[in-house]
Amino acid sequence: MSSVTYYKVCNYLRTCPEAVEMAQGTSPETLEKSLLSVLWYMGSQESLAQICSRFSITEESFLKRRSKVTKALLSKSKENLIKWPEKESDKQFVASQFETLSRLKNVIGALDTTHIQVKMVEENRENYFNKNGYYSVKLIAACQRDMSFTFCSAGHAGRLHDVQTLINSGLREHGTVLCNSYHLVADAAFPLYDWLITPYTEENLSESQQHYNKCLLTVQKVITRAFGLLHGRFHRLKVIETTDITTIVEIILLACVLHNFCIGCDDIGEEYMVYEVEDEGDNALPENNILETPNSGKIKRDTICRNLSVGRHR
């Protein structure tokens, strides 16, 4: 994180009641020092004992700092830190950026999931033991072309398929209203809707369908890079040691908020990018898919495919 981004986060925290409280009490501490200790925690895999020694504080003091900084940033995250483009002008801008990239029209975001490894979860631990052989929670997120997140939902059991994760996140229920005439792009593990378009997966695809899939893949790579940057910048996400699911979710969402701060300050941090993140996600719909594909989704995908083909041969 650059110094510009750091001071922007500091200034933002000064407007949050939760953060102001850190300078009060019997042992007042500076906001700057509190934020530095939390950022060090997020950017490393050091133990709490090592971090407390580094900043000359007790474990109890650090946990209070982490809690207050996290609550302060997450309390406002829905306002302007992780924000869905609601205004028509904002949607048009996002769509124009994706169209320039991929030639696909009306794309409002790229959607996918990523696994966050955890040491263990206190309750229903068997649900968190994923198919890759370790305990994890899933983050499902959507991002714009600049890799800033516009939707994040964390804490989903690692064993769940992406379809069930989509349902549990609430996005399936509200997708039509959120996207309106626009749509998200996702891979073949997600169901096809008129607000969520996915690749063709049948054998012997036509030239037009192959071209459509190629354009779609260009958009999908944006969320892949966003996750790569998130994992690479915030090493705490390599393995989260706590077993409390509420704290795990807060740590993941804090990383997403800080990620957006960095993007907003043009602090892209290509040096942090993890380019070879193992594809641990699902790559197809489950055999016992619980969701039917509505005709409206098929019609919209075919229309997009046809329009891409027409424009390509002009």
C-alpha atoms as a PDB file:
ATOM      1  CA  MET A   1       0.000   0.000   0.000  1.00  0.00           C
ATOM      2  CA  SER A   2       1.391   3.384  -0.982  1.00  0.00           C
ATOM      3  CA  SER A   3       1.708   6.297   1.438  1.00  0.00           C
ATOM      4  CA  VAL A   4      -1.008   8.134  -0.509  1.00  0.00           C
ATOM      5  CA  THR A   5      -3.427   5.260   0.029  1.00  0.00           C
ATOM      6  CA  TYR A   6      -2.449   4.955   3.685  1.00  0.00           C
ATOM      7  CA  TYR A   7      -3.192   8.617   4.421  1.00  0.00           C
ATOM      8  CA  LYS A   8      -6.448   8.412   2.495  1.00  0.00           C
ATOM      9  CA  VAL A   9      -7.549   5.520   4.715  1.00  0.00           C
ATOM     10  CA  CYS A  10      -6.427   7.497   7.789  1.00  0.00           C
ATOM     11  CA  ASN A  11      -8.432  10.545   6.781  1.00  0.00           C
ATOM     12  CA  TYR A  12     -11.443   8.384   6.052  1.00  0.00           C
ATOM     13  CA  LEU A  13     -11.221   6.764   9.485  1.00  0.00           C
ATOM     14  CA  ARG A  14     -11.263  10.176  11.149  1.00  0.00           C
ATOM     15  CA  THR A  15     -14.876  10.507  10.021  1.00  0.00           C
ATOM     16  CA  CYS A  16     -15.867   7.208  11.655  1.00  0.00           C
ATOM     17  CA  PRO A  17     -17.099   7.227  15.297  1.00  0.00           C
ATOM     18  CA  GLU A  18     -15.664   3.748  15.870  1.00  0.00           C
ATOM     19  CA  ALA A  19     -12.167   4.947  14.967  1.00  0.00           C
ATOM     20  CA  VAL A  20     -12.379   8.203  16.942  1.00  0.00           C
ATOM     21  CA  GLU A  21     -12.902   6.121  20.090  1.00  0.00           C
ATOM     22  CA  MET A  22      -9.380   4.732  19.692  1.00  0.00           C
ATOM     23  CA  ALA A  23      -7.956   8.069  20.840  1.00  0.00           C
ATOM     24  CA  GLN A  24     -10.023   8.033  24.012  1.00  0.00           C
ATOM     25  CA  GLY A  25      -9.889   6.110  27.265  1.00  0.00           C
ATOM     26  CA  THR A  26      -7.195   5.553  29.871  1.00  0.00           C
ATOM     27  CA  SER A  27      -4.548   4.573  27.281  1.00  0.00           C
ATOM     28  CA  PRO A  28      -5.090   6.807  24.279  1.00  0.00           C
ATOM     29  CA  GLU A  29      -3.341   5.761  21.079  1.00  0.00           C
ATOM     30  CA  THR A  30      -2.882   7.422  17.744  1.00  0.00           C
ATOM     31  CA  LEU A  31      -5.111   6.482  14.867  1.00  0.00           C
ATOM     32  CA  GLU A  32      -2.041   6.219  12.648  1.00  0.00           C
ATOM     33  CA  LYS A  33      -0.366   3.624  14.867  1.00  0.00           C
ATOM     34  CA  SER A  34      -3.562   1.617  15.152  1.00  0.00           C
ATOM     35  CA  LEU A  35      -4.028   1.555  11.382  1.00  0.00           C
ATOM     36  CA  LEU A  36      -0.383   0.632  10.796  1.00  0.00           C
ATOM     37  CA  SER A  37      -0.632  -2.381  13.101  1.00  0.00           C
ATOM     38  CA  VAL A  38      -3.818  -3.576  11.388  1.00  0.00           C
ATOM     39  CA  LEU A  39      -2.339  -3.092   7.906  1.00  0.00           C
ATOM     40  CA  TRP A  40       0.752  -5.043   8.963  1.00  0.00           C
ATOM     41  CA  TYR A  41      -1.508  -7.805  10.209  1.00  0.00           C
ATOM     42  CA  MET A  42      -3.431  -7.893   6.907  1.00  0.00           C
ATOM     43  CA  GLY A  43      -0.289  -7.828   4.782  1.00  0.00           C
ATOM     44  CA  SER A  44       1.635 -10.543   6.597  1.00  0.00           C
ATOM     45  CA  GLN A  45       1.346 -14.002   8.079  1.00  0.00           C
ATOM     46  CA  GLU A  46       3.073 -13.019  11.319  1.00  0.00           C
ATOM     47  CA  SER A  47       1.565 -14.367  14.518  1.00  0.00           C
ATOM     48  CA  LEU A  48      -0.223 -12.084  16.938  1.00  0.00           C
ATOM     49  CA  ALA A  49       2.734 -12.398  19.310  1.00  0.00           C
ATOM     50  CA  GLN A  50       5.135 -11.196  16.601  1.00  0.00           C
ATOM     51  CA  ILE A  51       2.913  -8.267  15.645  1.00  0.00           C
ATOM     52  CA  CYS A  52       2.427  -7.221  19.260  1.00  0.00           C
ATOM     53  CA  SER A  53       6.193  -7.340  19.808  1.00  0.00           C
ATOM     54  CA  ARG A  54       6.786  -5.298  16.655  1.00  0.00           C
ATOM     55  CA  PHE A  55       4.377  -2.538  17.756  1.00  0.00           C
ATOM     56  CA  SER A  56       5.035  -2.830  21.507  1.00  0.00           C
ATOM     57  CA  ILE A  57       1.423  -3.528  22.408  1.00  0.00           C
ATOM     58  CA  THR A  58      -0.468  -6.290  24.170  1.00  0.00           C
ATOM     59  CA  GLU A  59      -2.522  -8.869  22.310  1.00  0.00           C
ATOM     60  CA  GLU A  60      -5.671  -7.499  23.922  1.00  0.00           C
ATOM     61  CA  SER A  61      -4.824  -4.006  22.714  1.00  0.00           C
ATOM     62  CA  PHE A  62      -4.177  -5.197  19.168  1.00  0.00           C
ATOM     63  CA  LEU A  63      -7.427  -7.162  18.977  1.00  0.00           C
ATOM     64  CA  LYS A  64      -9.307  -4.034  20.084  1.00  0.00           C
ATOM     65  CA  ARG A  65      -7.556  -2.008  17.386  1.00  0.00           C
ATOM     66  CA  ARG A  66      -8.349  -4.574  14.736  1.00  0.00           C
ATOM     67  CA  SER A  67     -11.987  -4.727  15.816  1.00  0.00           C
ATOM     68  CA  LYS A  68     -12.455  -0.934  15.805  1.00  0.00           C
ATOM     69  CA  VAL A  69     -10.675  -0.350  12.489  1.00  0.00           C
ATOM     70  CA  THR A  70     -12.616  -3.208  10.889  1.00  0.00           C
ATOM     71  CA  LYS A  71     -15.984  -2.061  12.208  1.00  0.00           C
ATOM     72  CA  ALA A  72     -15.258   1.520  11.180  1.00  0.00           C
ATOM     73  CA  LEU A  73     -14.434   0.592   7.595  1.00  0.00           C
ATOM     74  CA  LEU A  74     -17.132  -2.042   7.206  1.00  0.00           C
ATOM     75  CA  SER A  75     -19.834   0.154   8.722  1.00  0.00           C
ATOM     76  CA  LYS A  76     -19.471   2.513   5.770  1.00  0.00           C
ATOM     77  CA  SER A  77     -18.538  -0.031   3.141  1.00  0.00           C
ATOM     78  CA  LYS A  78     -22.081  -0.212   1.811  1.00  0.00           C
ATOM     79  CA  GLU A  79     -22.108   3.559   1.364  1.00  0.00           C
ATOM     80  CA  ASN A  80     -19.119   4.187  -0.836  1.00  0.00           C
ATOM     81  CA  LEU A  81     -16.341   1.628  -0.415  1.00  0.00           C
ATOM     82  CA  ILE A  82     -17.935  -1.466  -1.960  1.00  0.00           C
ATOM     83  CA  LYS A  83     -20.688   0.090  -3.986  1.00  0.00           C
ATOM     84  CA  TRP A  84     -22.907  -1.280  -6.718  1.00  0.00           C
ATOM     85  CA  PRO A  85     -23.298   1.170  -9.656  1.00  0.00           C
ATOM     86  CA  GLU A  86     -26.854   2.388  -9.113  1.00  0.00           C
ATOM     87  CA  LYS A  87     -27.070   5.532 -11.251  1.00  0.00           C
ATOM     88  CA  GLU A  88     -27.694   4.976 -14.938  1.00  0.00           C
ATOM     89  CA  SER A  89     -24.688   7.126 -15.798  1.00  0.00           C
ATOM     90  CA  ASP A  90     -22.481   4.919 -13.600  1.00  0.00           C
ATOM     91  CA  LYS A  91     -23.817   1.756 -15.220  1.00  0.00           C
ATOM     92  CA  GLN A  92     -23.209   3.166 -18.689  1.00  0.00           C
ATOM     93  CA  PHE A  93     -19.635   4.071 -17.756  1.00  0.00           C
ATOM     94  CA  VAL A  94     -18.887   0.587 -16.391  1.00  0.00           C
ATOM     95  CA  ALA A  95     -20.469  -1.026 -19.453  1.00  0.00           C
ATOM     96  CA  SER A  96     -18.465   1.162 -21.831  1.00  0.00           C
ATOM     97  CA  GLN A  97     -15.228   0.112 -20.126  1.00  0.00           C
ATOM     98  CA  PHE A  98     -16.042  -3.577 -20.526  1.00  0.00           C
ATOM     99  CA  GLU A  99     -17.211  -3.080 -24.114  1.00  0.00           C
ATOM    100  CA  THR A 100     -13.882  -1.474 -25.001  1.00  0.00           C
ATOM    101  CA  LEU A 101     -12.142  -4.474 -23.488  1.00  0.00           C
ATOM    102  CA  SER A 102     -14.265  -7.297 -24.864  1.00  0.00           C
ATOM    103  CA  ARG A 103     -16.761  -5.935 -27.435  1.00  0.00           C
ATOM    104  CA  LEU A 104     -19.549  -7.237 -25.171  1.00  0.00           C
ATOM    105  CA  LYS A 105     -22.275  -4.660 -24.558  1.00  0.00           C
ATOM    106  CA  ASN A 106     -24.082  -3.906 -21.266  1.00  0.00           C
ATOM    107  CA  VAL A 107     -21.670  -5.795 -19.015  1.00  0.00           C
ATOM    108  CA  ILE A 108     -21.906  -4.359 -15.500  1.00  0.00           C
ATOM    109  CA  GLY A 109     -19.366  -6.637 -13.839  1.00  0.00           C
ATOM    110  CA  ALA A 110     -17.405  -9.888 -13.745  1.00  0.00           C
ATOM    111  CA  LEU A 111     -18.469 -12.443 -11.124  1.00  0.00           C
ATOM    112  CA  ASP A 112     -16.671 -15.405  -9.565  1.00  0.00           C
ATOM    113  CA  THR A 113     -15.732 -17.086  -6.290  1.00  0.00           C
ATOM    114  CA  THR A 114     -12.410 -17.726  -4.579  1.00  0.00           C
ATOM    115  CA  HIS A 115     -11.399 -19.941  -1.668  1.00  0.00           C
ATOM    116  CA  ILE A 116      -9.822 -18.481   1.483  1.00  0.00           C
ATOM    117  CA  GLN A 117      -8.033 -21.155   3.486  1.00  0.00           C
ATOM    118  CA  VAL A 118      -8.831 -21.276   7.197  1.00  0.00           C
ATOM    119  CA  LYS A 119      -7.324 -23.299  10.033  1.00  0.00           C
ATOM    120  CA  MET A 120     -10.690 -24.585  11.169  1.00  0.00           C
ATOM    121  CA  VAL A 121     -14.238 -23.405  11.786  1.00  0.00           C
ATOM    122  CA  GLU A 122     -15.866 -23.940  15.159  1.00  0.00           C
ATOM    123  CA  GLU A 123     -19.270 -25.144  13.936  1.00  0.00           C
ATOM    124  CA  ASN A 124     -20.241 -27.524  11.102  1.00  0.00           C
ATOM    125  CA  ARG A 125     -16.567 -27.919  10.240  1.00  0.00           C
ATOM    126  CA  GLU A 126     -17.235 -30.739   7.754  1.00  0.00           C
ATOM    127  CA  ASN A 127     -19.041 -28.239   5.501  1.00  0.00           C
ATOM    128  CA  TYR A 128     -15.872 -26.178   5.208  1.00  0.00           C
ATOM    129  CA  PHE A 129     -13.604 -29.042   4.142  1.00  0.00           C
ATOM    130  CA  ASN A 130     -13.493 -28.475   0.385  1.00  0.00           C
ATOM    131  CA  LYS A 131     -12.872 -30.820  -2.526  1.00  0.00           C
ATOM    132  CA  ASN A 132      -9.240 -29.673  -2.679  1.00  0.00           C
ATOM    133  CA  GLY A 133      -8.521 -31.214   0.714  1.00  0.00           C
ATOM    134  CA  TYR A 134      -8.389 -28.283   3.123  1.00  0.00           C
ATOM    135  CA  TYR A 135     -10.721 -26.089   5.166  1.00  0.00           C
ATOM    136  CA  SER A 136     -11.873 -22.923   3.443  1.00  0.00           C
ATOM    137  CA  VAL A 137     -14.547 -20.293   3.184  1.00  0.00           C
ATOM    138  CA  LYS A 138     -15.625 -18.844  -0.136  1.00  0.00           C
ATOM    139  CA  LEU A 139     -15.775 -15.242  -1.206  1.00  0.00           C
ATOM    140  CA  ILE A 140     -18.139 -14.455  -4.063  1.00  0.00           C
ATOM    141  CA  ALA A 141     -17.526 -11.075  -5.647  1.00  0.00           C
ATOM    142  CA  ALA A 142     -18.188  -8.915  -8.680  1.00  0.00           C
ATOM    143  CA  CYS A 143     -15.834  -6.250  -9.974  1.00  0.00           C
ATOM    144  CA  GLN A 144     -15.564  -3.519 -12.576  1.00  0.00           C
ATOM    145  CA  ARG A 145     -12.909  -3.376 -15.281  1.00  0.00           C
ATOM    146  CA  ASP A 146     -10.517  -1.519 -12.955  1.00  0.00           C
ATOM    147  CA  MET A 147     -10.754  -4.538 -10.589  1.00  0.00           C
ATOM    148  CA  SER A 148     -12.595  -2.629  -7.855  1.00  0.00           C
ATOM    149  CA  PHE A 149     -15.224  -4.734  -6.119  1.00  0.00           C
ATOM    150  CA  THR A 150     -18.878  -3.737  -6.411  1.00  0.00           C
ATOM    151  CA  PHE A 151     -20.314  -6.757  -4.616  1.00  0.00           C
ATOM    152  CA  CYS A 152     -18.768  -9.000  -1.953  1.00  0.00           C
ATOM    153  CA  SER A 153     -20.240 -11.782   0.159  1.00  0.00           C
ATOM    154  CA  ALA A 154     -17.900 -13.863   2.321  1.00  0.00           C
ATOM    155  CA  GLY A 155     -17.990 -16.766   4.729  1.00  0.00           C
ATOM    156  CA  HIS A 156     -19.687 -19.385   2.570  1.00  0.00           C
ATOM    157  CA  ALA A 157     -18.717 -22.977   3.310  1.00  0.00           C
ATOM    158  CA  GLY A 158     -15.840 -24.185   1.141  1.00  0.00           C
ATOM    159  CA  ARG A 159     -17.614 -27.426   0.248  1.00  0.00           C
ATOM    160  CA  LEU A 160     -20.503 -25.588  -1.421  1.00  0.00           C
ATOM    161  CA  HIS A 161     -20.787 -25.449  -5.193  1.00  0.00           C
ATOM    162  CA  ASP A 162     -20.759 -22.003  -6.803  1.00  0.00           C
ATOM    163  CA  VAL A 163     -24.484 -22.348  -7.541  1.00  0.00           C
ATOM    164  CA  GLN A 164     -25.342 -22.704  -3.853  1.00  0.00           C
ATOM    165  CA  THR A 165     -22.895 -19.921  -2.998  1.00  0.00           C
ATOM    166  CA  LEU A 166     -24.718 -17.658  -5.429  1.00  0.00           C
ATOM    167  CA  ILE A 167     -28.032 -18.483  -3.773  1.00  0.00           C
ATOM    168  CA  ASN A 168     -26.721 -17.992  -0.240  1.00  0.00           C
ATOM    169  CA  SER A 169     -25.154 -14.650  -1.132  1.00  0.00           C
ATOM    170  CA  GLY A 170     -28.561 -13.192  -1.975  1.00  0.00           C
ATOM    171  CA  LEU A 171     -27.386 -12.132  -5.424  1.00  0.00           C
ATOM    172  CA  ARG A 172     -29.585 -14.639  -7.247  1.00  0.00           C
ATOM    173  CA  GLU A 173     -32.637 -13.201  -5.502  1.00  0.00           C
ATOM    174  CA  HIS A 174     -31.788  -9.578  -6.287  1.00  0.00           C
ATOM    175  CA  GLY A 175     -29.830  -9.940  -9.531  1.00  0.00           C
ATOM    176  CA  THR A 176     -32.659  -8.956 -11.849  1.00  0.00           C
ATOM    177  CA  VAL A 177     -33.339  -5.707  -9.988  1.00  0.00           C
ATOM    178  CA  LEU A 178     -29.666  -4.830  -9.541  1.00  0.00           C
ATOM    179  CA  CYS A 179     -28.712  -5.415 -13.161  1.00  0.00           C
ATOM    180  CA  ASN A 180     -31.948  -4.343 -14.856  1.00  0.00           C
ATOM    181  CA  SER A 181     -31.122  -4.331 -18.589  1.00  0.00           C
ATOM    182  CA  TYR A 182     -27.433  -4.973 -17.910  1.00  0.00           C
ATOM    183  CA  HIS A 183     -25.750  -8.240 -16.967  1.00  0.00           C
ATOM    184  CA  LEU A 184     -22.867  -9.816 -15.104  1.00  0.00           C
ATOM    185  CA  VAL A 185     -20.450 -12.259 -16.722  1.00  0.00           C
ATOM    186  CA  ALA A 186     -19.504 -15.540 -15.014  1.00  0.00           C
ATOM    187  CA  ASP A 187     -17.964 -18.893 -15.904  1.00  0.00           C
ATOM    188  CA  ALA A 188     -19.726 -22.163 -16.665  1.00  0.00           C
ATOM    189  CA  ALA A 189     -20.107 -23.089 -12.982  1.00  0.00           C
ATOM    190  CA  PHE A 190     -22.874 -20.505 -12.667  1.00  0.00           C
ATOM    191  CA  PRO A 191     -26.443 -20.750 -13.956  1.00  0.00           C
ATOM    192  CA  LEU A 192     -27.520 -18.754 -16.994  1.00  0.00           C
ATOM    193  CA  TYR A 193     -29.966 -15.873 -16.500  1.00  0.00           C
ATOM    194  CA  ASP A 194     -30.789 -12.759 -18.454  1.00  0.00           C
ATOM    195  CA  TRP A 195     -28.780 -10.838 -15.820  1.00  0.00           C
ATOM    196  CA  LEU A 196     -25.947 -13.390 -15.589  1.00  0.00           C
ATOM    197  CA  ILE A 197     -24.476 -14.621 -18.854  1.00  0.00           C
ATOM    198  CA  THR A 198     -22.191 -17.638 -19.072  1.00  0.00           C
ATOM    199  CA  PRO A 199     -20.254 -19.515 -21.793  1.00  0.00           C
ATOM    200  CA  TYR A 200     -21.606 -22.113 -24.176  1.00  0.00           C
ATOM    201  CA  THR A 201     -20.512 -25.540 -22.970  1.00  0.00           C
ATOM    202  CA  GLU A 202     -21.914 -27.901 -25.597  1.00  0.00           C
ATOM    203  CA  GLU A 203     -19.630 -29.890 -27.881  1.00  0.00           C
ATOM    204  CA  ASN A 204     -19.023 -28.858 -31.494  1.00  0.00           C
ATOM    205  CA  LEU A 205     -19.632 -25.139 -30.950  1.00  0.00           C
ATOM    206  CA  SER A 206     -20.166 -22.948 -33.975  1.00  0.00           C
ATOM    207  CA  GLU A 207     -17.595 -20.319 -34.940  1.00  0.00           C
ATOM    208  CA  SER A 208     -19.892 -17.610 -33.557  1.00  0.00           C
ATOM    209  CA  GLN A 209     -20.281 -19.408 -30.228  1.00  0.00           C
ATOM    210  CA  GLN A 210     -16.521 -19.890 -29.947  1.00  0.00           C
ATOM    211  CA  HIS A 211     -16.006 -16.186 -30.593  1.00  0.00           C
ATOM    212  CA  TYR A 212     -18.629 -15.335 -27.969  1.00  0.00           C
ATOM    213  CA  ASN A 213     -16.840 -17.563 -25.438  1.00  0.00           C
ATOM    214  CA  LYS A 214     -13.549 -15.862 -26.234  1.00  0.00           C
ATOM    215  CA  CYS A 215     -15.052 -12.417 -25.599  1.00  0.00           C
ATOM    216  CA  LEU A 216     -16.593 -13.686 -22.375  1.00  0.00           C
ATOM    217  CA  LEU A 217     -13.245 -15.074 -21.211  1.00  0.00           C
ATOM    218  CA  THR A 218     -11.694 -11.623 -21.635  1.00  0.00           C
ATOM    219  CA  VAL A 219     -14.159 -10.271 -19.066  1.00  0.00           C
ATOM    220  CA  GLN A 220     -13.732 -13.258 -16.733  1.00  0.00           C
ATOM    221  CA  LYS A 221      -9.995 -12.602 -16.581  1.00  0.00           C
ATOM    222  CA  VAL A 222     -10.707  -9.270 -14.865  1.00  0.00           C
ATOM    223  CA  ILE A 223     -12.192 -10.884 -11.748  1.00  0.00           C
ATOM    224  CA  THR A 224      -9.419 -13.506 -11.834  1.00  0.00           C
ATOM    225  CA  ARG A 225      -6.844 -10.697 -11.726  1.00  0.00           C
ATOM    226  CA  ALA A 226      -8.800  -8.926  -8.968  1.00  0.00           C
ATOM    227  CA  PHE A 227      -8.649 -12.063  -6.826  1.00  0.00           C
ATOM    228  CA  GLY A 228      -4.971 -12.507  -7.698  1.00  0.00           C
ATOM    229  CA  LEU A 229      -4.248  -8.988  -6.473  1.00  0.00           C
ATOM    230  CA  LEU A 230      -6.357  -9.485  -3.340  1.00  0.00           C
ATOM    231  CA  HIS A 231      -4.517 -12.701  -2.400  1.00  0.00           C
ATOM    232  CA  GLY A 232      -1.125 -11.284  -3.321  1.00  0.00           C
ATOM    233  CA  ARG A 233      -1.432  -8.016  -1.417  1.00  0.00           C
ATOM    234  CA  PHE A 234      -3.093  -9.327   1.735  1.00  0.00           C
ATOM    235  CA  HIS A 235      -1.077 -12.343   2.866  1.00  0.00           C
ATOM    236  CA  ARG A 236      -3.410 -12.815   5.840  1.00  0.00           C
ATOM    237  CA  LEU A 237      -5.784 -14.447   3.372  1.00  0.00           C
ATOM    238  CA  LYS A 238      -3.308 -17.262   2.687  1.00  0.00           C
ATOM    239  CA  VAL A 239      -4.444 -18.927   5.903  1.00  0.00           C
ATOM    240  CA  ILE A 240      -6.738 -17.284   8.454  1.00  0.00           C
ATOM    241  CA  GLU A 241      -5.911 -18.733  11.860  1.00  0.00           C
ATOM    242  CA  THR A 242      -9.014 -17.728  13.829  1.00  0.00           C
ATOM    243  CA  THR A 243     -11.829 -20.266  14.056  1.00  0.00           C
ATOM    244  CA  ASP A 244     -14.663 -17.792  14.643  1.00  0.00           C
ATOM    245  CA  ILE A 245     -16.650 -17.461  11.401  1.00  0.00           C
ATOM    246  CA  THR A 246     -17.767 -13.895  12.184  1.00  0.00           C
ATOM    247  CA  THR A 247     -14.150 -12.765  12.571  1.00  0.00           C
ATOM    248  CA  ILE A 248     -13.146 -14.668   9.431  1.00  0.00           C
ATOM    249  CA  VAL A 249     -15.807 -12.845   7.419  1.00  0.00           C
ATOM    250  CA  GLU A 250     -14.730  -9.477   8.830  1.00  0.00           C
ATOM    251  CA  ILE A 251     -11.084 -10.095   7.903  1.00  0.00           C
ATOM    252  CA  ILE A 252     -11.998 -11.051   4.326  1.00  0.00           C
ATOM    253  CA  LEU A 253     -14.307  -8.070   3.850  1.00  0.00           C
ATOM    254  CA  LEU A 254     -11.699  -5.746   5.371  1.00  0.00           C
ATOM    255  CA  ALA A 255      -9.255  -6.968   2.718  1.00  0.00           C
ATOM    256  CA  CYS A 256     -11.849  -6.231   0.012  1.00  0.00           C
ATOM    257  CA  VAL A 257     -12.409  -2.704   1.341  1.00  0.00           C
ATOM    258  CA  LEU A 258      -8.672  -1.986   1.522  1.00  0.00           C
ATOM    259  CA  HIS A 259      -8.321  -3.419  -1.989  1.00  0.00           C
ATOM    260  CA  ASN A 260     -10.850  -0.861  -3.231  1.00  0.00           C
ATOM    261  CA  PHE A 261      -9.008   1.946  -1.430  1.00  0.00           C
ATOM    262  CA  CYS A 262      -5.848   0.954  -3.292  1.00  0.00           C
ATOM    263  CA  ILE A 263      -7.621   0.822  -6.664  1.00  0.00           C
ATOM    264  CA  GLY A 264      -9.202   4.225  -5.990  1.00  0.00           C
ATOM    265  CA  CYS A 265      -5.746   5.714  -5.415  1.00  0.00           C
ATOM    266  CA  ASP A 266      -4.294   4.098  -8.565  1.00  0.00           C
ATOM    267  CA  ASP A 267      -2.242   1.955  -6.195  1.00  0.00           C
ATOM    268  CA  ILE A 268      -2.665  -1.125  -8.369  1.00  0.00           C
ATOM    269  CA  GLY A 269       0.352  -2.945  -7.001  1.00  0.00           C
ATOM    270  CA  GLU A 270       1.185  -5.212  -9.948  1.00  0.00           C
ATOM    271  CA  GLU A 271       4.154  -6.430  -7.929  1.00  0.00           C
ATOM    272  CA  TYR A 272       1.693  -8.091  -5.539  1.00  0.00           C
ATOM    273  CA  MET A 273      -0.250  -9.864  -8.269  1.00  0.00           C
ATOM    274  CA  VAL A 274      -0.486 -13.625  -7.952  1.00  0.00           C
ATOM    275  CA  TYR A 275      -0.613 -14.666 -11.598  1.00  0.00           C
ATOM    276  CA  GLU A 276      -0.647 -18.407 -10.983  1.00  0.00           C
ATOM    277  CA  VAL A 277      -3.447 -18.803  -8.485  1.00  0.00           C
ATOM    278  CA  GLU A 278      -4.560 -22.419  -8.623  1.00  0.00           C
ATOM    279  CA  ASP A 279      -8.038 -22.745 -10.107  1.00  0.00           C
ATOM    280  CA  GLU A 280      -9.742 -24.275  -7.121  1.00  0.00           C
ATOM    281  CA  GLY A 281     -13.263 -23.344  -8.084  1.00  0.00           C
ATOM    282  CA  ASP A 282     -15.988 -25.218  -9.885  1.00  0.00           C
ATOM    283  CA  ASN A 283     -15.827 -25.352 -13.661  1.00  0.00           C
ATOM    284  CA  ALA A 284     -19.282 -26.685 -14.489  1.00  0.00           C
ATOM    285  CA  LEU A 285     -22.812 -26.815 -13.144  1.00  0.00           C
ATOM    286  CA  PRO A 286     -23.448 -29.660 -10.672  1.00  0.00           C
ATOM    287  CA  GLU A 287     -24.961 -32.830 -12.101  1.00  0.00           C
ATOM    288  CA  ASN A 288     -27.964 -32.408  -9.845  1.00  0.00           C
ATOM    289  CA  ASN A 289     -28.365 -28.721 -10.704  1.00  0.00           C
ATOM    290  CA  ILE A 290     -31.163 -27.380  -8.509  1.00  0.00           C
ATOM    291  CA  LEU A 291     -31.814 -24.392 -10.747  1.00  0.00           C
ATOM    292  CA  GLU A 292     -33.503 -24.398 -14.110  1.00  0.00           C
ATOM    293  CA  THR A 293     -32.121 -22.246 -16.879  1.00  0.00           C
ATOM    294  CA  PRO A 294     -34.870 -19.813 -17.891  1.00  0.00           C
ATOM    295  CA  ASN A 295     -35.530 -19.267 -21.595  1.00  0.00           C
ATOM    296  CA  SER A 296     -34.908 -15.549 -21.136  1.00  0.00           C
ATOM    297  CA  GLY A 297     -31.262 -16.291 -20.318  1.00  0.00           C
ATOM    298  CA  LYS A 298     -30.819 -18.531 -23.344  1.00  0.00           C
ATOM    299  CA  ILE A 299     -32.479 -15.991 -25.630  1.00  0.00           C
ATOM    300  CA  LYS A 300     -30.295 -13.154 -24.354  1.00  0.00           C
ATOM    301  CA  ARG A 301     -27.093 -15.163 -24.741  1.00  0.00           C
ATOM    302  CA  ASP A 302     -28.014 -16.205 -28.294  1.00  0.00           C
ATOM    303  CA  THR A 303     -28.834 -12.595 -29.158  1.00  0.00           C
ATOM    304  CA  ILE A 304     -25.491 -11.375 -27.807  1.00  0.00           C
ATOM    305  CA  CYS A 305     -23.695 -14.129 -29.703  1.00  0.00           C
ATOM    306  CA  ARG A 306     -25.492 -13.258 -32.933  1.00  0.00           C
ATOM    307  CA  ASN A 307     -24.800  -9.532 -32.589  1.00  0.00           C
ATOM    308  CA  LEU A 308     -21.115 -10.184 -31.934  1.00  0.00           C
ATOM    309  CA  SER A 309     -20.935 -12.291 -35.081  1.00  0.00           C
ATOM    310  CA  VAL A 310     -22.655  -9.642 -37.191  1.00  0.00           C
ATOM    311  CA  GLY A 311     -20.376  -6.902 -35.906  1.00  0.00           C
ATOM    312  CA  ARG A 312     -17.311  -9.072 -36.431  1.00  0.00           C
ATOM    313  CA  HIS A 313     -18.003  -9.634 -40.137  1.00  0.00           C
ATOM    314  CA  ARG A 314     -18.940  -6.083 -41.082  1.00  0.00           C
END
